[in-house]
Amino acid sequence: MRCKMLTVAAAVLLMLTAGCSTLERVVYRPDINQGNYLTTTDVAKIHTGMTQQQVAYTLGTPLMNDPFGTSTWFYVFRQQPGHEKATQQTLILTFDSSGVLTDVVNRPKLTNE
């Protein structure tokens, strides 16, 4: 009888501690990288006056184009290392009607790390 009670108590204790957040760090979580990985040197090569072909050659194809036309390109990189919070870098390039780069928006600004 005592053996059964110890077994039941151990099973209940195991179930109660299985959901604890202290055990969460023990479980392996891979780093998740999604989108266009850009470095500060890549972004520094981009300047207004470049054509769409020159930008595509320098940075590669964008993750998203403007759904209402081809005047805005979005380069998005999202990274979630293991058990840490996700970070996201967004580079927005705007072109005029002739395909020349007119505006570069970098959110949040890429820094040398």
Protein backbone atom coordinates (compact mmCIF):
# COMPACT_ATOMS: atom_id res chain seq x y z
CA MET A 1 0.00 0.00 0.00
CA ARG A 2 2.81 2.39 0.87
CA CYS A 3 4.48 1.72 -2.51
CA LYS A 4 1.28 2.64 -4.36
CA MET A 5 0.97 5.88 -2.37
CA LEU A 6 4.57 6.82 -3.15
CA THR A 7 4.01 6.04 -6.85
CA VAL A 8 0.85 8.17 -6.95
CA ALA A 9 2.56 11.02 -5.07
CA ALA A 10 5.54 10.90 -7.45
CA ALA A 11 3.22 10.92 -10.47
CA VAL A 12 1.27 13.90 -9.11
CA LEU A 13 4.48 15.77 -8.30
CA LEU A 14 5.84 15.06 -11.77
CA MET A 15 2.66 16.37 -13.43
CA LEU A 16 2.66 19.52 -11.30
CA THR A 17 6.29 20.38 -12.09
CA ALA A 18 6.11 19.48 -15.79
CA GLY A 19 4.49 22.81 -16.61
CA CYS A 20 6.88 24.98 -14.60
CA SER A 21 8.78 27.67 -16.46
CA THR A 22 12.04 26.64 -14.79
CA LEU A 23 12.17 23.57 -17.00
CA GLU A 24 11.54 25.61 -20.16
CA ARG A 25 15.20 26.63 -20.50
CA VAL A 26 16.29 22.98 -20.47
CA VAL A 27 14.42 22.26 -23.70
CA TYR A 28 16.45 23.12 -26.83
CA ARG A 29 14.94 25.73 -29.15
CA PRO A 30 16.70 26.41 -32.43
CA ASP A 31 17.39 29.96 -33.64
CA ILE A 32 14.80 31.02 -36.20
CA ASN A 33 15.94 33.43 -38.94
CA GLN A 34 13.46 34.58 -41.58
CA GLY A 35 13.65 37.05 -44.45
CA ASN A 36 16.48 39.03 -46.03
CA TYR A 37 19.62 39.15 -43.88
CA LEU A 38 21.28 42.53 -44.45
CA THR A 39 24.46 43.92 -42.92
CA THR A 40 25.37 47.58 -42.40
CA THR A 41 27.76 47.40 -45.36
CA ASP A 42 24.93 46.16 -47.60
CA VAL A 43 22.68 49.04 -46.56
CA ALA A 44 25.53 51.56 -46.91
CA LYS A 45 25.83 50.65 -50.61
CA ILE A 46 22.26 51.80 -51.27
CA HIS A 47 21.66 55.45 -52.10
CA THR A 48 19.01 57.52 -53.82
CA GLY A 49 19.28 57.64 -57.59
CA MET A 50 19.90 53.90 -58.02
CA THR A 51 17.65 51.90 -60.34
CA GLN A 52 15.58 48.89 -59.29
CA GLN A 53 17.99 46.58 -61.11
CA GLN A 54 21.01 48.04 -59.27
CA VAL A 55 19.27 47.65 -55.89
CA ALA A 56 18.21 44.07 -56.68
CA TYR A 57 21.80 43.24 -57.70
CA THR A 58 23.17 44.75 -54.46
CA LEU A 59 20.62 43.46 -51.92
CA GLY A 60 18.88 40.64 -53.74
CA THR A 61 15.16 40.41 -54.35
CA PRO A 62 12.92 41.97 -51.71
CA LEU A 63 10.81 39.89 -49.33
CA MET A 64 7.70 41.86 -50.34
CA ASN A 65 6.67 44.31 -53.02
CA ASP A 66 4.02 46.97 -52.61
CA PRO A 67 0.73 45.13 -53.28
CA PHE A 68 -0.68 48.20 -55.04
CA GLY A 69 2.22 48.63 -57.48
CA THR A 70 5.97 48.15 -57.75
CA SER A 71 7.05 51.47 -56.25
CA THR A 72 7.90 50.18 -52.74
CA TRP A 73 10.12 47.27 -51.76
CA PHE A 74 10.31 45.77 -48.26
CA TYR A 75 13.40 43.94 -47.01
CA VAL A 76 12.41 42.33 -43.71
CA PHE A 77 14.63 40.23 -41.45
CA ARG A 78 13.20 38.61 -38.32
CA GLN A 79 15.38 36.73 -35.86
CA GLN A 80 14.37 34.78 -32.78
CA PRO A 81 17.33 33.26 -30.94
CA GLY A 82 16.40 30.24 -28.79
CA HIS A 83 14.66 31.47 -25.66
CA GLU A 84 15.02 35.21 -26.33
CA LYS A 85 12.58 37.76 -27.73
CA ALA A 86 12.28 38.17 -31.49
CA THR A 87 13.87 41.18 -33.21
CA GLN A 88 12.97 42.56 -36.61
CA GLN A 89 14.82 44.82 -39.05
CA THR A 90 12.87 46.45 -41.88
CA LEU A 91 14.37 48.30 -44.85
CA ILE A 92 11.78 50.12 -46.98
CA LEU A 93 12.84 51.38 -50.41
CA THR A 94 10.60 53.67 -52.45
CA PHE A 95 11.02 54.15 -56.18
CA ASP A 96 9.51 56.72 -58.52
CA SER A 97 7.49 55.82 -61.63
CA SER A 98 10.66 55.42 -63.73
CA GLY A 99 12.20 52.93 -61.27
CA VAL A 100 14.72 55.26 -59.59
CA LEU A 101 15.22 55.02 -55.82
CA THR A 102 13.85 58.11 -54.06
CA ASP A 103 13.63 57.16 -50.35
CA VAL A 104 15.33 54.74 -47.94
CA VAL A 105 13.77 54.02 -44.53
CA ASN A 106 15.66 51.74 -42.13
CA ARG A 107 13.68 50.62 -39.05
CA PRO A 108 15.19 50.10 -36.54
CA LYS A 109 18.49 51.44 -37.76
CA LEU A 110 21.07 48.72 -38.39
CA THR A 111 24.12 49.14 -36.19
CA ASN A 112 27.51 47.47 -36.20
CA GLU A 113 27.28 44.59 -33.71
